[in-house]
Amino acid sequence: MQHQSTTHDNIPASPFAGEAPDMFFGLPMAMARAMALRGERIGDDRAQVRMGFQATQANSRGEVHGGAIATLLDCTLAAAARAHDPAAHGVATIDLTLHYVAAGSGDLIATARCERRGRSISFARGEVRAEDGTLVALATGSFKLIARQPAAGS
């Protein structure tokens, strides 16, 4: 069986490279540290996020728990929904549908694309793959765009 590459050179490099572990594509998100999420690429309506394996997020078989995979997909699809201007927008998840395809172990890499962006609602789809290219899960979701308020003094 041939596996698709987990690197996506067509997604621009993140302008937020090297950000603190509690930041996620320019926005403060303490959960990013807790879930070991690292935003790797964002732009052109696409995003790529890596979730580092943590034994505390494993199921009874030692594989990544489905809830952790759901969090990874939610965050990655949400990032794609705001990829047109990541520092200017946050999002709220309206719905998220997941399909688990295979067990995942080790670091997982999610990629997502915003398929349609309206004035306030965006629709995205994405996938999670293991580092060896094995497809782990698929997802679709809709997200409400929320304009970020400029920091005081800006």
Protein backbone atom coordinates (compact mmCIF):
# COMPACT_ATOMS: atom_id res chain seq x y z
CA MET A 1 0.00 0.00 0.00
CA GLN A 2 1.38 3.39 -0.96
CA HIS A 3 1.09 6.23 1.56
CA GLN A 4 0.79 9.91 0.82
CA SER A 5 3.54 12.14 2.18
CA THR A 6 2.78 13.95 5.42
CA THR A 7 4.74 17.03 4.41
CA HIS A 8 2.85 19.58 2.40
CA ASP A 9 5.20 21.95 0.63
CA ASN A 10 2.22 23.71 -0.95
CA ILE A 11 1.23 25.09 2.47
CA PRO A 12 3.24 28.24 3.25
CA ALA A 13 5.70 28.14 6.14
CA SER A 14 4.28 29.58 9.34
CA PRO A 15 5.17 33.22 10.04
CA PHE A 16 4.86 32.17 13.71
CA ALA A 17 7.77 29.69 13.67
CA GLY A 18 9.45 29.36 17.05
CA GLU A 19 6.49 30.66 19.03
CA ALA A 20 6.06 29.70 22.69
CA PRO A 21 4.44 26.31 23.46
CA ASP A 22 1.28 28.02 24.73
CA MET A 23 0.77 29.94 21.47
CA PHE A 24 -0.98 28.59 18.39
CA PHE A 25 -0.44 30.41 15.08
CA GLY A 26 -0.13 33.74 16.85
CA LEU A 27 -2.93 33.33 19.39
CA PRO A 28 -2.55 32.44 23.08
CA MET A 29 -3.84 28.92 23.72
CA ALA A 30 -2.72 27.12 26.87
CA MET A 31 -4.18 23.89 25.51
CA ALA A 32 -1.54 23.91 22.76
CA ARG A 33 1.07 23.21 25.43
CA ALA A 34 -1.08 20.58 27.18
CA MET A 35 -1.74 18.72 23.92
CA ALA A 36 1.79 19.22 22.49
CA LEU A 37 0.37 20.96 19.41
CA ARG A 38 2.81 22.76 17.14
CA GLY A 39 1.58 24.81 14.24
CA GLU A 40 3.97 23.99 11.41
CA ARG A 41 2.44 25.67 8.34
CA ILE A 42 -0.39 28.10 7.65
CA GLY A 43 -1.60 30.21 4.72
CA ASP A 44 -3.51 30.03 1.45
CA ASP A 45 -6.54 28.62 3.31
CA ARG A 46 -4.50 25.66 4.61
CA ALA A 47 -2.84 24.62 7.86
CA GLN A 48 -0.59 21.84 9.11
CA VAL A 49 -0.25 20.95 12.79
CA ARG A 50 1.86 18.32 14.54
CA MET A 51 0.80 16.72 17.81
CA GLY A 52 3.71 15.24 19.71
CA PHE A 53 3.05 11.85 21.25
CA GLN A 54 2.47 11.94 25.01
CA ALA A 55 1.96 8.74 27.00
CA THR A 56 -0.59 10.60 29.16
CA GLN A 57 -2.83 10.89 26.07
CA ALA A 58 -2.64 7.23 25.10
CA ASN A 59 -5.46 4.71 25.29
CA SER A 60 -5.22 1.31 27.02
CA ARG A 61 -3.32 -0.09 23.99
CA GLY A 62 -0.70 2.68 24.08
CA GLU A 63 -2.01 4.36 20.92
CA VAL A 64 -3.13 7.98 20.69
CA HIS A 65 -6.57 8.33 22.28
CA GLY A 66 -9.41 9.27 19.92
CA GLY A 67 -10.19 12.36 22.01
CA ALA A 68 -6.66 13.67 21.45
CA ILE A 69 -7.05 13.05 17.70
CA ALA A 70 -10.36 14.94 17.78
CA THR A 71 -8.65 17.88 19.48
CA LEU A 72 -5.88 17.85 16.87
CA LEU A 73 -8.41 17.91 14.03
CA ASP A 74 -10.55 20.61 15.66
CA CYS A 75 -7.53 22.88 16.09
CA THR A 76 -6.16 22.22 12.61
CA LEU A 77 -9.46 22.77 10.80
CA ALA A 78 -10.01 25.92 12.87
CA ALA A 79 -6.53 27.16 11.87
CA ALA A 80 -7.34 26.57 8.19
CA ALA A 81 -10.58 28.54 8.64
CA ARG A 82 -8.55 31.57 9.77
CA ALA A 83 -5.51 30.94 7.56
CA HIS A 84 -6.32 33.93 5.32
CA ASP A 85 -5.36 36.29 8.21
CA PRO A 86 -4.40 34.17 11.24
CA ALA A 87 -3.48 36.98 13.64
CA ALA A 88 -6.72 38.88 12.98
CA HIS A 89 -9.23 36.11 13.59
CA GLY A 90 -10.15 33.53 16.16
CA VAL A 91 -12.86 30.95 15.57
CA ALA A 92 -15.55 29.06 17.43
CA THR A 93 -16.36 25.53 16.34
CA ILE A 94 -19.96 25.08 15.20
CA ASP A 95 -19.71 21.40 14.33
CA LEU A 96 -17.08 18.77 13.76
CA THR A 97 -17.53 15.34 12.19
CA LEU A 98 -14.76 12.75 12.49
CA HIS A 99 -14.10 9.41 10.89
CA TYR A 100 -11.44 7.27 12.53
CA VAL A 101 -9.71 5.10 9.94
CA ALA A 102 -6.78 3.48 11.77
CA ALA A 103 -5.00 3.55 15.10
CA GLY A 104 -2.35 6.22 15.47
CA SER A 105 0.88 6.06 17.40
CA GLY A 106 3.82 8.41 17.72
CA ASP A 107 3.60 11.99 16.51
CA LEU A 108 0.55 12.73 14.35
CA ILE A 109 0.37 15.34 11.58
CA ALA A 110 -2.91 16.98 10.63
CA THR A 111 -3.52 19.01 7.48
CA ALA A 112 -6.65 20.96 6.66
CA ARG A 113 -8.08 23.22 3.98
CA CYS A 114 -10.76 25.88 4.25
CA GLU A 115 -13.16 24.89 1.47
CA ARG A 116 -15.40 27.94 1.73
CA ARG A 117 -15.29 31.13 3.75
CA GLY A 118 -18.32 33.38 4.10
CA ARG A 119 -18.59 36.64 5.99
CA SER A 120 -18.82 34.85 9.32
CA ILE A 121 -18.92 31.07 8.71
CA SER A 122 -16.16 28.91 7.23
CA PHE A 123 -16.18 25.25 6.21
CA ALA A 124 -13.05 23.11 6.39
CA ARG A 125 -11.95 19.52 5.93
CA GLY A 126 -8.79 17.73 6.93
CA GLU A 127 -7.00 14.55 7.81
CA VAL A 128 -4.53 13.12 10.31
CA ARG A 129 -1.66 10.89 9.30
CA ALA A 130 1.03 9.11 11.27
CA GLU A 131 4.62 9.99 10.43
CA ASP A 132 4.86 6.94 8.16
CA GLY A 133 1.95 8.28 6.08
CA THR A 134 -0.77 6.00 7.46
CA LEU A 135 -4.17 7.70 7.32
CA VAL A 136 -5.55 7.85 10.88
CA ALA A 137 -8.66 10.07 10.68
CA LEU A 138 -10.71 12.38 8.45
CA ALA A 139 -12.84 15.35 9.50
CA THR A 140 -15.09 18.13 8.29
CA GLY A 141 -16.24 21.10 10.31
CA SER A 142 -17.82 24.52 10.27
CA PHE A 143 -16.44 27.46 12.21
CA LYS A 144 -17.61 30.96 13.12
CA LEU A 145 -14.94 33.59 12.43
CA ILE A 146 -14.41 35.99 15.32
CA ALA A 147 -12.47 39.19 14.69
CA ARG A 148 -9.73 39.72 17.26
CA GLN A 149 -9.67 43.02 19.04
CA PRO A 150 -6.35 44.90 18.75
CA ALA A 151 -4.32 44.86 21.96
CA ALA A 152 -4.60 48.01 24.07
CA GLY A 153 -2.10 50.60 22.90
CA SER A 154 -1.83 49.12 19.40
